[in-house]
Amino acid sequence: QVQLVESGGGLVQPGGSLRLSCAASGIRFSIYAVGWYRQAPGNQRELVALITRVGSTNYADSVKGRFTISRDNAKNTVYLQMNSLKPEDTADYYCNGKNSLTGREYWGQGTQVTVSS
């Protein structure tokens, strides 16, 4: 059974940092492109950061320079380091793994991030 499990969310003050983790089981995560998405209440889900199977990265303009996506293939895990957090970063964050060869993709259950003083 394939599972993606996010962790690391929570409440943080503006300017603070969090590191989200997306741990995969049941698949070899290294061959998947992995994206972190977020969805705030009343908004559509948006792509925040993406890392390809070869390690190339892309970021939404709103998080460039503040967020860093990385992967540890030995741990079958992808991370999202979030620095200089702003209240507008408040959302549920989801990871998505997609195999470009087969088209299969999987979603995690999400982790909540709240940036507030």
N, C-alpha and C. Protein backbone atom coordinates (compact mmCIF):
# COMPACT_ATOMS: atom_id res chain seq x y z
N GLN A 1 0.84 -1.19 0.00
CA GLN A 1 0.00 0.00 0.00
C GLN A 1 0.88 1.25 0.00
N VAL A 2 0.57 2.17 -0.89
CA VAL A 2 1.37 3.39 -1.00
C VAL A 2 0.83 4.44 -0.03
N GLN A 3 1.73 5.05 0.69
CA GLN A 3 1.35 6.14 1.59
C GLN A 3 2.36 7.26 1.50
N LEU A 4 1.86 8.48 1.48
CA LEU A 4 2.68 9.67 1.66
C LEU A 4 2.19 10.32 2.95
N VAL A 5 3.11 10.54 3.86
CA VAL A 5 2.74 11.09 5.16
C VAL A 5 3.50 12.38 5.40
N GLU A 6 2.74 13.47 5.52
CA GLU A 6 3.36 14.76 5.81
C GLU A 6 3.43 14.97 7.31
N SER A 7 4.43 15.72 7.71
CA SER A 7 4.57 16.10 9.12
C SER A 7 5.35 17.40 9.20
N GLY A 8 5.34 17.99 10.38
CA GLY A 8 6.13 19.20 10.60
C GLY A 8 5.35 20.49 10.62
N GLY A 9 4.06 20.43 10.35
CA GLY A 9 3.26 21.64 10.41
C GLY A 9 3.03 22.09 11.83
N GLY A 10 2.45 23.27 11.96
CA GLY A 10 2.17 23.80 13.28
C GLY A 10 1.94 25.28 13.24
N LEU A 11 1.97 25.86 14.43
CA LEU A 11 1.78 27.31 14.59
C LEU A 11 3.14 27.97 14.76
N VAL A 12 3.37 29.01 14.00
CA VAL A 12 4.64 29.73 14.07
C VAL A 12 4.38 31.21 13.92
N GLN A 13 5.22 32.02 14.54
CA GLN A 13 5.08 33.47 14.42
C GLN A 13 5.62 33.96 13.09
N PRO A 14 5.13 35.09 12.62
CA PRO A 14 5.70 35.66 11.39
C PRO A 14 7.21 35.83 11.52
N GLY A 15 7.90 35.48 10.43
CA GLY A 15 9.36 35.50 10.46
C GLY A 15 9.99 34.21 10.89
N GLY A 16 9.19 33.30 11.39
CA GLY A 16 9.72 32.03 11.88
C GLY A 16 9.92 31.01 10.77
N SER A 17 10.32 29.81 11.17
CA SER A 17 10.64 28.75 10.22
C SER A 17 9.96 27.45 10.62
N LEU A 18 9.69 26.64 9.62
CA LEU A 18 9.21 25.28 9.81
C LEU A 18 9.84 24.41 8.73
N ARG A 19 10.00 23.14 9.04
CA ARG A 19 10.42 22.18 8.03
C ARG A 19 9.37 21.09 7.92
N LEU A 20 8.79 20.99 6.76
CA LEU A 20 7.82 19.94 6.50
C LEU A 20 8.52 18.72 5.91
N SER A 21 8.01 17.56 6.26
CA SER A 21 8.53 16.31 5.72
C SER A 21 7.42 15.55 5.03
N CYS A 22 7.77 14.87 3.97
CA CYS A 22 6.85 14.00 3.25
C CYS A 22 7.54 12.65 3.12
N ALA A 23 7.12 11.70 3.92
CA ALA A 23 7.73 10.38 3.93
C ALA A 23 6.88 9.41 3.13
N ALA A 24 7.50 8.72 2.19
CA ALA A 24 6.77 7.79 1.33
C ALA A 24 7.05 6.36 1.74
N SER A 25 6.04 5.53 1.61
CA SER A 25 6.20 4.10 1.81
C SER A 25 5.45 3.38 0.70
N GLY A 26 5.97 2.23 0.30
CA GLY A 26 5.32 1.45 -0.74
C GLY A 26 5.74 1.80 -2.15
N ILE A 27 6.56 2.84 -2.30
CA ILE A 27 7.09 3.22 -3.61
C ILE A 27 8.54 3.67 -3.44
N ARG A 28 9.25 3.63 -4.57
CA ARG A 28 10.61 4.15 -4.57
C ARG A 28 10.50 5.63 -4.92
N PHE A 29 10.52 6.45 -3.88
CA PHE A 29 10.21 7.87 -4.03
C PHE A 29 11.18 8.59 -4.95
N SER A 30 12.40 8.03 -5.07
CA SER A 30 13.43 8.71 -5.84
C SER A 30 13.08 8.84 -7.32
N ILE A 31 12.19 7.99 -7.83
CA ILE A 31 11.86 8.07 -9.25
C ILE A 31 10.63 8.93 -9.50
N TYR A 32 10.14 9.57 -8.43
CA TYR A 32 8.97 10.42 -8.55
C TYR A 32 9.36 11.89 -8.49
N ALA A 33 8.71 12.71 -9.31
CA ALA A 33 8.75 14.15 -9.09
C ALA A 33 7.81 14.43 -7.92
N VAL A 34 8.25 15.28 -7.03
CA VAL A 34 7.47 15.55 -5.83
C VAL A 34 7.19 17.04 -5.72
N GLY A 35 5.95 17.35 -5.51
CA GLY A 35 5.56 18.73 -5.33
C GLY A 35 4.94 18.97 -3.97
N TRP A 36 5.18 20.12 -3.43
CA TRP A 36 4.46 20.59 -2.25
C TRP A 36 3.41 21.58 -2.73
N TYR A 37 2.18 21.35 -2.33
CA TYR A 37 1.06 22.21 -2.65
C TYR A 37 0.49 22.77 -1.36
N ARG A 38 -0.24 23.86 -1.49
CA ARG A 38 -0.94 24.37 -0.32
C ARG A 38 -2.32 24.86 -0.73
N GLN A 39 -3.19 24.82 0.26
CA GLN A 39 -4.56 25.28 0.03
C GLN A 39 -5.03 26.01 1.27
N ALA A 40 -5.32 27.29 1.08
CA ALA A 40 -5.88 28.10 2.16
C ALA A 40 -7.40 28.07 2.03
N PRO A 41 -8.11 28.31 3.12
CA PRO A 41 -9.58 28.30 3.07
C PRO A 41 -10.10 29.24 2.00
N GLY A 42 -10.98 28.72 1.15
CA GLY A 42 -11.57 29.53 0.10
C GLY A 42 -10.73 29.69 -1.14
N ASN A 43 -9.53 29.11 -1.11
CA ASN A 43 -8.62 29.23 -2.26
C ASN A 43 -8.42 27.89 -2.94
N GLN A 44 -7.95 27.95 -4.17
CA GLN A 44 -7.61 26.73 -4.87
C GLN A 44 -6.26 26.22 -4.39
N ARG A 45 -6.06 24.93 -4.55
CA ARG A 45 -4.77 24.36 -4.22
C ARG A 45 -3.73 24.88 -5.22
N GLU A 46 -2.59 25.29 -4.70
CA GLU A 46 -1.55 25.83 -5.56
C GLU A 46 -0.22 25.13 -5.33
N LEU A 47 0.56 25.04 -6.39
CA LEU A 47 1.88 24.43 -6.30
C LEU A 47 2.84 25.44 -5.69
N VAL A 48 3.54 25.00 -4.66
CA VAL A 48 4.49 25.86 -3.97
C VAL A 48 5.91 25.58 -4.42
N ALA A 49 6.26 24.31 -4.51
CA ALA A 49 7.62 23.92 -4.86
C ALA A 49 7.60 22.53 -5.47
N LEU A 50 8.55 22.30 -6.36
CA LEU A 50 8.63 21.02 -7.06
C LEU A 50 10.08 20.59 -7.15
N ILE A 51 10.30 19.29 -6.96
CA ILE A 51 11.63 18.74 -7.17
C ILE A 51 11.48 17.53 -8.09
N THR A 52 12.31 17.50 -9.13
CA THR A 52 12.21 16.40 -10.09
C THR A 52 13.02 15.20 -9.61
N ARG A 53 12.93 14.11 -10.35
CA ARG A 53 13.66 12.91 -9.96
C ARG A 53 15.16 13.14 -10.04
N VAL A 54 15.60 14.10 -10.85
CA VAL A 54 17.03 14.37 -10.94
C VAL A 54 17.45 15.54 -10.06
N GLY A 55 16.53 16.08 -9.29
CA GLY A 55 16.88 17.10 -8.32
C GLY A 55 16.69 18.53 -8.75
N SER A 56 16.16 18.76 -9.95
CA SER A 56 15.87 20.13 -10.35
C SER A 56 14.69 20.66 -9.54
N THR A 57 14.71 21.94 -9.25
CA THR A 57 13.68 22.52 -8.41
C THR A 57 13.01 23.72 -9.07
N ASN A 58 11.76 23.94 -8.71
CA ASN A 58 11.02 25.12 -9.14
C ASN A 58 10.17 25.60 -7.98
N TYR A 59 9.95 26.91 -7.94
CA TYR A 59 9.22 27.51 -6.84
C TYR A 59 8.19 28.50 -7.35
N ALA A 60 7.10 28.62 -6.62
CA ALA A 60 6.17 29.70 -6.87
C ALA A 60 6.85 31.02 -6.55
N ASP A 61 6.50 32.05 -7.29
CA ASP A 61 7.13 33.36 -7.06
C ASP A 61 6.96 33.83 -5.62
N SER A 62 5.84 33.48 -5.03
CA SER A 62 5.52 33.97 -3.68
C SER A 62 6.43 33.39 -2.61
N VAL A 63 7.14 32.30 -2.92
CA VAL A 63 7.99 31.67 -1.91
C VAL A 63 9.46 31.63 -2.29
N LYS A 64 9.79 32.12 -3.47
CA LYS A 64 11.19 32.09 -3.91
C LYS A 64 12.06 32.85 -2.93
N GLY A 65 13.19 32.24 -2.60
CA GLY A 65 14.11 32.85 -1.68
C GLY A 65 13.79 32.58 -0.22
N ARG A 66 12.61 32.02 0.04
CA ARG A 66 12.23 31.73 1.43
C ARG A 66 12.06 30.23 1.68
N PHE A 67 11.60 29.51 0.69
CA PHE A 67 11.36 28.08 0.82
C PHE A 67 12.40 27.30 0.03
N THR A 68 12.75 26.13 0.54
CA THR A 68 13.68 25.25 -0.14
C THR A 68 13.15 23.82 -0.10
N ILE A 69 13.03 23.22 -1.27
CA ILE A 69 12.61 21.83 -1.34
C ILE A 69 13.84 20.96 -1.56
N SER A 70 13.87 19.81 -0.90
CA SER A 70 15.00 18.91 -1.03
C SER A 70 14.51 17.48 -0.84
N ARG A 71 15.37 16.55 -1.18
CA ARG A 71 14.98 15.16 -1.01
C ARG A 71 16.13 14.34 -0.47
N ASP A 72 15.79 13.35 0.32
CA ASP A 72 16.76 12.39 0.84
C ASP A 72 16.28 11.02 0.36
N ASN A 73 16.87 10.56 -0.71
CA ASN A 73 16.40 9.31 -1.31
C ASN A 73 16.64 8.11 -0.40
N ALA A 74 17.67 8.18 0.41
CA ALA A 74 17.93 7.07 1.33
C ALA A 74 16.81 6.92 2.36
N LYS A 75 16.17 8.05 2.68
CA LYS A 75 15.08 8.03 3.64
C LYS A 75 13.71 8.04 2.97
N ASN A 76 13.72 8.06 1.61
CA ASN A 76 12.44 8.07 0.89
C ASN A 76 11.57 9.25 1.32
N THR A 77 12.21 10.39 1.49
CA THR A 77 11.54 11.55 2.08
C THR A 77 11.90 12.82 1.30
N VAL A 78 10.92 13.69 1.20
CA VAL A 78 11.12 15.02 0.62
C VAL A 78 10.79 16.05 1.69
N TYR A 79 11.55 17.12 1.71
CA TYR A 79 11.39 18.15 2.73
C TYR A 79 11.03 19.48 2.09
N LEU A 80 10.40 20.32 2.89
CA LEU A 80 10.18 21.71 2.50
C LEU A 80 10.60 22.58 3.68
N GLN A 81 11.73 23.22 3.53
CA GLN A 81 12.20 24.16 4.54
C GLN A 81 11.57 25.51 4.26
N MET A 82 10.87 26.03 5.23
CA MET A 82 10.15 27.29 5.06
C MET A 82 10.70 28.30 6.06
N ASN A 83 11.29 29.36 5.53
CA ASN A 83 11.87 30.42 6.36
C ASN A 83 11.12 31.72 6.11
N SER A 84 11.33 32.66 7.00
CA SER A 84 10.70 33.99 6.87
C SER A 84 9.21 33.86 6.59
N LEU A 85 8.56 33.05 7.36
CA LEU A 85 7.14 32.78 7.12
C LEU A 85 6.28 34.02 7.32
N LYS A 86 5.25 34.11 6.50
CA LYS A 86 4.33 35.24 6.52
C LYS A 86 2.92 34.72 6.82
N PRO A 87 2.06 35.57 7.32
CA PRO A 87 0.68 35.12 7.57
C PRO A 87 0.02 34.55 6.31
N GLU A 88 0.37 35.05 5.16
CA GLU A 88 -0.23 34.56 3.93
C GLU A 88 0.26 33.17 3.53
N ASP A 89 1.23 32.64 4.26
CA ASP A 89 1.66 31.26 4.05
C ASP A 89 0.75 30.27 4.78
N THR A 90 -0.14 30.78 5.57
CA THR A 90 -1.06 29.91 6.31
C THR A 90 -1.92 29.10 5.36
N ALA A 91 -1.89 27.79 5.53
CA ALA A 91 -2.63 26.90 4.63
C ALA A 91 -2.42 25.47 5.09
N ASP A 92 -3.17 24.57 4.48
CA ASP A 92 -2.87 23.15 4.58
C ASP A 92 -1.88 22.82 3.47
N TYR A 93 -0.82 22.12 3.83
CA TYR A 93 0.23 21.78 2.87
C TYR A 93 0.18 20.29 2.57
N TYR A 94 0.24 19.98 1.29
CA TYR A 94 0.15 18.60 0.82
C TYR A 94 1.35 18.26 -0.06
N CYS A 95 1.80 17.04 0.03
CA CYS A 95 2.81 16.61 -0.93
C CYS A 95 2.17 15.67 -1.95
N ASN A 96 2.74 15.72 -3.12
CA ASN A 96 2.25 14.94 -4.25
C ASN A 96 3.44 14.31 -4.94
N GLY A 97 3.36 13.02 -5.17
CA GLY A 97 4.40 12.34 -5.92
C GLY A 97 3.84 11.85 -7.24
N LYS A 98 4.55 12.15 -8.32
CA LYS A 98 4.08 11.74 -9.63
C LYS A 98 5.20 11.07 -10.41
N ASN A 99 4.87 9.89 -10.95
CA ASN A 99 5.79 9.16 -11.80
C ASN A 99 5.48 9.54 -13.24
N SER A 100 6.40 10.26 -13.87
CA SER A 100 6.14 10.76 -15.22
C SER A 100 6.09 9.65 -16.26
N LEU A 101 6.66 8.50 -15.94
CA LEU A 101 6.66 7.40 -16.90
C LEU A 101 5.33 6.65 -16.91
N THR A 102 4.76 6.46 -15.73
CA THR A 102 3.51 5.70 -15.62
C THR A 102 2.28 6.60 -15.46
N GLY A 103 2.51 7.84 -15.07
CA GLY A 103 1.39 8.75 -14.81
C GLY A 103 0.77 8.59 -13.45
N ARG A 104 1.25 7.62 -12.69
CA ARG A 104 0.68 7.42 -11.36
C ARG A 104 1.09 8.56 -10.44
N GLU A 105 0.14 8.96 -9.61
CA GLU A 105 0.46 9.98 -8.64
C GLU A 105 -0.26 9.70 -7.34
N TYR A 106 0.32 10.20 -6.28
CA TYR A 106 -0.20 9.97 -4.94
C TYR A 106 -0.16 11.27 -4.15
N TRP A 107 -1.13 11.40 -3.26
CA TRP A 107 -1.22 12.57 -2.39
C TRP A 107 -1.12 12.15 -0.93
N GLY A 108 -0.52 13.02 -0.15
CA GLY A 108 -0.55 12.84 1.29
C GLY A 108 -1.83 13.44 1.86
N GLN A 109 -1.97 13.31 3.16
CA GLN A 109 -3.20 13.75 3.82
C GLN A 109 -3.16 15.22 4.22
N GLY A 110 -1.98 15.82 4.17
CA GLY A 110 -1.85 17.23 4.47
C GLY A 110 -1.39 17.50 5.89
N THR A 111 -0.76 18.64 6.05
CA THR A 111 -0.35 19.12 7.38
C THR A 111 -0.63 20.62 7.42
N GLN A 112 -1.13 21.06 8.54
CA GLN A 112 -1.56 22.45 8.66
C GLN A 112 -0.44 23.35 9.12
N VAL A 113 -0.31 24.48 8.45
CA VAL A 113 0.66 25.50 8.82
C VAL A 113 -0.10 26.80 9.10
N THR A 114 0.12 27.33 10.29
CA THR A 114 -0.51 28.58 10.67
C THR A 114 0.57 29.56 11.07
N VAL A 115 0.58 30.71 10.40
CA VAL A 115 1.56 31.76 10.71
C VAL A 115 0.80 32.93 11.31
N SER A 116 1.01 33.13 12.59
CA SER A 116 0.24 34.14 13.29
C SER A 116 0.96 34.57 14.55
N SER A 117 0.80 35.83 14.90
CA SER A 117 1.37 36.31 16.16
C SER A 117 0.33 36.21 17.28
